[in-house]
Amino acid sequence: ARGTRRRLDGKRPNGWVPEQKTTVAEAVQAYTAGSAYASFDEKIKGSIEVGKLADIAVLSDDIFNIRAEEIENVKVAMTIFDGKVIYEKK
């Protein structure tokens, strides 16, 4: 399913520029592997693979299996930077 592109203030409930809606998977790809590729860093980051930097954000919910409207309520549960936990929600 496509994302919502709606505003958090409740305005534009059908989405801002609806024809530009993307799936959650497309959005995650753009922010991870796509960003690494854009900065010429795809060999060291952008995906979870042996030999790449271990910089990971763990979320409180599975954003691939909840309604798109619920994603705004997802929290960061843990952040791992350079292979070390630097934040963990208590």
N, C-alpha and C. Protein backbone atom coordinates (compact mmCIF):
# COMPACT_ATOMS: atom_id res chain seq x y z
N ALA A 1 0.84 -1.19 0.00
CA ALA A 1 0.00 0.00 0.00
C ALA A 1 0.88 1.24 0.00
N ARG A 2 0.39 2.26 -0.59
CA ARG A 2 1.12 3.53 -0.65
C ARG A 2 1.00 4.28 0.67
N GLY A 3 1.98 5.11 0.94
CA GLY A 3 1.95 5.94 2.14
C GLY A 3 0.84 6.98 2.04
N THR A 4 0.77 7.84 3.03
CA THR A 4 -0.34 8.79 3.10
C THR A 4 0.01 10.18 2.58
N ARG A 5 1.23 10.62 2.80
CA ARG A 5 1.68 11.98 2.48
C ARG A 5 0.74 13.02 3.08
N ARG A 6 0.06 12.67 4.15
CA ARG A 6 -0.84 13.62 4.80
C ARG A 6 -0.05 14.44 5.81
N ARG A 7 -0.60 15.58 6.18
CA ARG A 7 0.06 16.44 7.14
C ARG A 7 -0.29 16.00 8.56
N LEU A 8 0.62 16.17 9.48
CA LEU A 8 0.38 15.76 10.86
C LEU A 8 -0.65 16.64 11.56
N ASP A 9 -0.90 17.84 11.04
CA ASP A 9 -1.88 18.74 11.66
C ASP A 9 -3.31 18.44 11.22
N GLY A 10 -3.50 17.37 10.43
CA GLY A 10 -4.83 16.98 10.01
C GLY A 10 -5.29 17.61 8.71
N LYS A 11 -4.56 18.58 8.22
CA LYS A 11 -4.90 19.19 6.94
C LYS A 11 -4.46 18.28 5.81
N ARG A 12 -5.14 18.38 4.68
CA ARG A 12 -4.87 17.55 3.52
C ARG A 12 -4.95 16.06 3.86
N PRO A 13 -6.08 15.58 4.38
CA PRO A 13 -6.21 14.17 4.78
C PRO A 13 -6.02 13.17 3.64
N ASN A 14 -6.21 13.61 2.41
CA ASN A 14 -6.02 12.71 1.26
C ASN A 14 -4.60 12.75 0.72
N GLY A 15 -3.74 13.53 1.37
CA GLY A 15 -2.33 13.55 1.00
C GLY A 15 -1.92 14.80 0.25
N TRP A 16 -0.69 15.17 0.43
CA TRP A 16 -0.07 16.30 -0.24
C TRP A 16 0.54 15.75 -1.52
N VAL A 17 0.14 16.24 -2.66
CA VAL A 17 0.57 15.75 -3.97
C VAL A 17 0.42 14.21 -3.99
N PRO A 18 -0.82 13.73 -3.96
CA PRO A 18 -1.10 12.28 -3.84
C PRO A 18 -0.40 11.40 -4.87
N GLU A 19 -0.16 11.91 -6.06
CA GLU A 19 0.49 11.09 -7.08
C GLU A 19 1.95 10.79 -6.75
N GLN A 20 2.50 11.42 -5.71
CA GLN A 20 3.88 11.17 -5.31
C GLN A 20 3.97 10.24 -4.11
N LYS A 21 2.87 9.62 -3.72
CA LYS A 21 2.90 8.70 -2.60
C LYS A 21 3.80 7.51 -2.92
N THR A 22 4.53 7.04 -1.92
CA THR A 22 5.40 5.88 -2.07
C THR A 22 5.00 4.82 -1.05
N THR A 23 5.49 3.62 -1.23
CA THR A 23 5.26 2.58 -0.24
C THR A 23 6.24 2.78 0.91
N VAL A 24 5.97 2.13 2.03
CA VAL A 24 6.89 2.19 3.17
C VAL A 24 8.24 1.62 2.75
N ALA A 25 8.23 0.53 2.02
CA ALA A 25 9.49 -0.08 1.56
C ALA A 25 10.29 0.89 0.67
N GLU A 26 9.60 1.60 -0.21
CA GLU A 26 10.29 2.57 -1.07
C GLU A 26 10.88 3.70 -0.24
N ALA A 27 10.17 4.14 0.77
CA ALA A 27 10.67 5.22 1.62
C ALA A 27 11.89 4.77 2.42
N VAL A 28 11.83 3.57 2.99
CA VAL A 28 12.98 3.04 3.74
C VAL A 28 14.17 2.88 2.81
N GLN A 29 13.95 2.35 1.62
CA GLN A 29 15.04 2.20 0.64
C GLN A 29 15.68 3.55 0.33
N ALA A 30 14.86 4.57 0.14
CA ALA A 30 15.39 5.90 -0.18
C ALA A 30 16.24 6.47 0.95
N TYR A 31 15.78 6.27 2.19
CA TYR A 31 16.50 6.82 3.34
C TYR A 31 17.72 6.01 3.75
N THR A 32 17.85 4.77 3.31
CA THR A 32 18.97 3.93 3.71
C THR A 32 19.92 3.73 2.52
N ALA A 33 19.64 2.74 1.71
CA ALA A 33 20.52 2.43 0.58
C ALA A 33 20.59 3.59 -0.42
N GLY A 34 19.47 4.25 -0.63
CA GLY A 34 19.46 5.38 -1.57
C GLY A 34 20.34 6.52 -1.10
N SER A 35 20.29 6.84 0.18
CA SER A 35 21.13 7.91 0.72
C SER A 35 22.61 7.53 0.68
N ALA A 36 22.91 6.28 0.99
CA ALA A 36 24.31 5.82 0.92
C ALA A 36 24.83 5.92 -0.51
N TYR A 37 24.01 5.51 -1.46
CA TYR A 37 24.40 5.58 -2.87
C TYR A 37 24.64 7.03 -3.30
N ALA A 38 23.74 7.92 -2.86
CA ALA A 38 23.85 9.33 -3.26
C ALA A 38 25.13 9.98 -2.74
N SER A 39 25.65 9.49 -1.61
CA SER A 39 26.88 10.04 -1.05
C SER A 39 28.10 9.18 -1.37
N PHE A 40 27.94 8.25 -2.32
CA PHE A 40 29.01 7.34 -2.75
C PHE A 40 29.54 6.46 -1.62
N ASP A 41 28.66 6.14 -0.64
CA ASP A 41 29.04 5.33 0.51
C ASP A 41 28.39 3.96 0.53
N GLU A 42 27.84 3.52 -0.59
CA GLU A 42 27.10 2.26 -0.61
C GLU A 42 27.94 1.03 -0.25
N LYS A 43 29.27 1.14 -0.31
CA LYS A 43 30.12 0.00 0.05
C LYS A 43 30.31 -0.12 1.56
N ILE A 44 29.99 0.94 2.30
CA ILE A 44 30.20 0.89 3.75
C ILE A 44 28.93 1.10 4.57
N LYS A 45 27.84 1.56 3.94
CA LYS A 45 26.61 1.75 4.69
C LYS A 45 25.40 1.69 3.77
N GLY A 46 24.21 1.74 4.37
CA GLY A 46 22.99 1.73 3.58
C GLY A 46 22.22 0.43 3.65
N SER A 47 22.88 -0.62 4.14
CA SER A 47 22.23 -1.92 4.30
C SER A 47 22.96 -2.68 5.41
N ILE A 48 22.30 -3.68 5.95
CA ILE A 48 22.89 -4.48 7.02
C ILE A 48 23.60 -5.67 6.37
N GLU A 49 24.93 -5.58 6.33
CA GLU A 49 25.74 -6.62 5.71
C GLU A 49 27.07 -6.71 6.43
N VAL A 50 27.68 -7.88 6.40
CA VAL A 50 29.00 -8.08 6.98
C VAL A 50 29.98 -7.10 6.34
N GLY A 51 30.76 -6.44 7.16
CA GLY A 51 31.77 -5.51 6.67
C GLY A 51 31.31 -4.07 6.55
N LYS A 52 30.01 -3.83 6.72
CA LYS A 52 29.51 -2.46 6.65
C LYS A 52 29.39 -1.88 8.06
N LEU A 53 29.31 -0.56 8.14
CA LEU A 53 29.15 0.10 9.43
C LEU A 53 27.89 -0.40 10.13
N ALA A 54 27.98 -0.57 11.42
CA ALA A 54 26.84 -1.07 12.20
C ALA A 54 26.09 0.11 12.83
N ASP A 55 25.48 0.93 12.00
CA ASP A 55 24.69 2.08 12.46
C ASP A 55 23.23 1.74 12.18
N ILE A 56 22.47 1.49 13.25
CA ILE A 56 21.11 0.99 13.09
C ILE A 56 20.18 1.68 14.08
N ALA A 57 18.98 2.00 13.64
CA ALA A 57 17.92 2.46 14.54
C ALA A 57 16.89 1.34 14.62
N VAL A 58 16.57 0.91 15.83
CA VAL A 58 15.56 -0.12 16.06
C VAL A 58 14.28 0.59 16.46
N LEU A 59 13.18 0.28 15.80
CA LEU A 59 11.92 0.96 16.06
C LEU A 59 11.03 0.16 17.00
N SER A 60 10.09 0.85 17.62
CA SER A 60 9.18 0.22 18.57
C SER A 60 8.14 -0.67 17.91
N ASP A 61 7.89 -0.47 16.63
CA ASP A 61 6.88 -1.24 15.90
C ASP A 61 7.41 -1.59 14.51
N ASP A 62 6.82 -2.60 13.92
CA ASP A 62 7.19 -3.03 12.57
C ASP A 62 6.44 -2.14 11.57
N ILE A 63 7.12 -1.15 11.01
CA ILE A 63 6.46 -0.19 10.13
C ILE A 63 5.97 -0.81 8.83
N PHE A 64 6.40 -2.03 8.54
CA PHE A 64 5.94 -2.72 7.34
C PHE A 64 4.61 -3.44 7.56
N ASN A 65 4.21 -3.56 8.83
CA ASN A 65 3.00 -4.33 9.13
C ASN A 65 1.98 -3.57 9.98
N ILE A 66 2.06 -2.25 9.97
CA ILE A 66 1.04 -1.44 10.62
C ILE A 66 0.46 -0.50 9.57
N ARG A 67 -0.67 0.09 9.89
CA ARG A 67 -1.28 1.03 8.96
C ARG A 67 -0.36 2.26 8.81
N ALA A 68 -0.29 2.79 7.61
CA ALA A 68 0.58 3.94 7.35
C ALA A 68 0.27 5.11 8.28
N GLU A 69 -1.00 5.28 8.64
CA GLU A 69 -1.39 6.38 9.53
C GLU A 69 -0.84 6.21 10.95
N GLU A 70 -0.41 5.01 11.29
CA GLU A 70 0.11 4.74 12.63
C GLU A 70 1.63 4.96 12.72
N ILE A 71 2.30 5.11 11.60
CA ILE A 71 3.76 5.23 11.61
C ILE A 71 4.21 6.46 12.39
N GLU A 72 3.43 7.52 12.36
CA GLU A 72 3.85 8.73 13.08
C GLU A 72 3.97 8.49 14.58
N ASN A 73 3.37 7.43 15.11
CA ASN A 73 3.45 7.13 16.54
C ASN A 73 4.58 6.18 16.91
N VAL A 74 5.29 5.68 15.93
CA VAL A 74 6.40 4.75 16.17
C VAL A 74 7.56 5.53 16.81
N LYS A 75 8.17 4.91 17.79
CA LYS A 75 9.29 5.53 18.52
C LYS A 75 10.58 4.77 18.23
N VAL A 76 11.70 5.42 18.48
CA VAL A 76 13.00 4.76 18.40
C VAL A 76 13.19 4.00 19.71
N ALA A 77 13.43 2.70 19.62
CA ALA A 77 13.63 1.87 20.81
C ALA A 77 15.11 1.74 21.14
N MET A 78 15.95 1.79 20.12
CA MET A 78 17.39 1.63 20.33
C MET A 78 18.13 2.21 19.15
N THR A 79 19.30 2.77 19.42
CA THR A 79 20.18 3.25 18.36
C THR A 79 21.55 2.61 18.56
N ILE A 80 22.06 2.04 17.48
CA ILE A 80 23.39 1.43 17.50
C ILE A 80 24.26 2.22 16.55
N PHE A 81 25.40 2.68 17.05
CA PHE A 81 26.33 3.47 16.23
C PHE A 81 27.71 2.84 16.36
N ASP A 82 28.33 2.57 15.25
CA ASP A 82 29.66 1.96 15.22
C ASP A 82 29.67 0.65 16.01
N GLY A 83 28.55 -0.08 15.96
CA GLY A 83 28.45 -1.37 16.61
C GLY A 83 28.17 -1.32 18.10
N LYS A 84 27.95 -0.11 18.67
CA LYS A 84 27.70 0.02 20.10
C LYS A 84 26.33 0.65 20.33
N VAL A 85 25.61 0.15 21.33
CA VAL A 85 24.32 0.73 21.68
C VAL A 85 24.60 2.10 22.32
N ILE A 86 24.06 3.15 21.71
CA ILE A 86 24.26 4.49 22.28
C ILE A 86 22.96 5.06 22.83
N TYR A 87 21.83 4.42 22.52
CA TYR A 87 20.55 4.81 23.09
C TYR A 87 19.68 3.57 23.21
N GLU A 88 19.04 3.44 24.35
CA GLU A 88 18.08 2.37 24.53
C GLU A 88 16.95 2.89 25.42
N LYS A 89 15.73 2.84 24.89
CA LYS A 89 14.59 3.31 25.65
C LYS A 89 14.36 2.39 26.83
N LYS A 90 14.22 2.98 27.97
CA LYS A 90 14.01 2.20 29.21
C LYS A 90 12.55 2.04 29.50
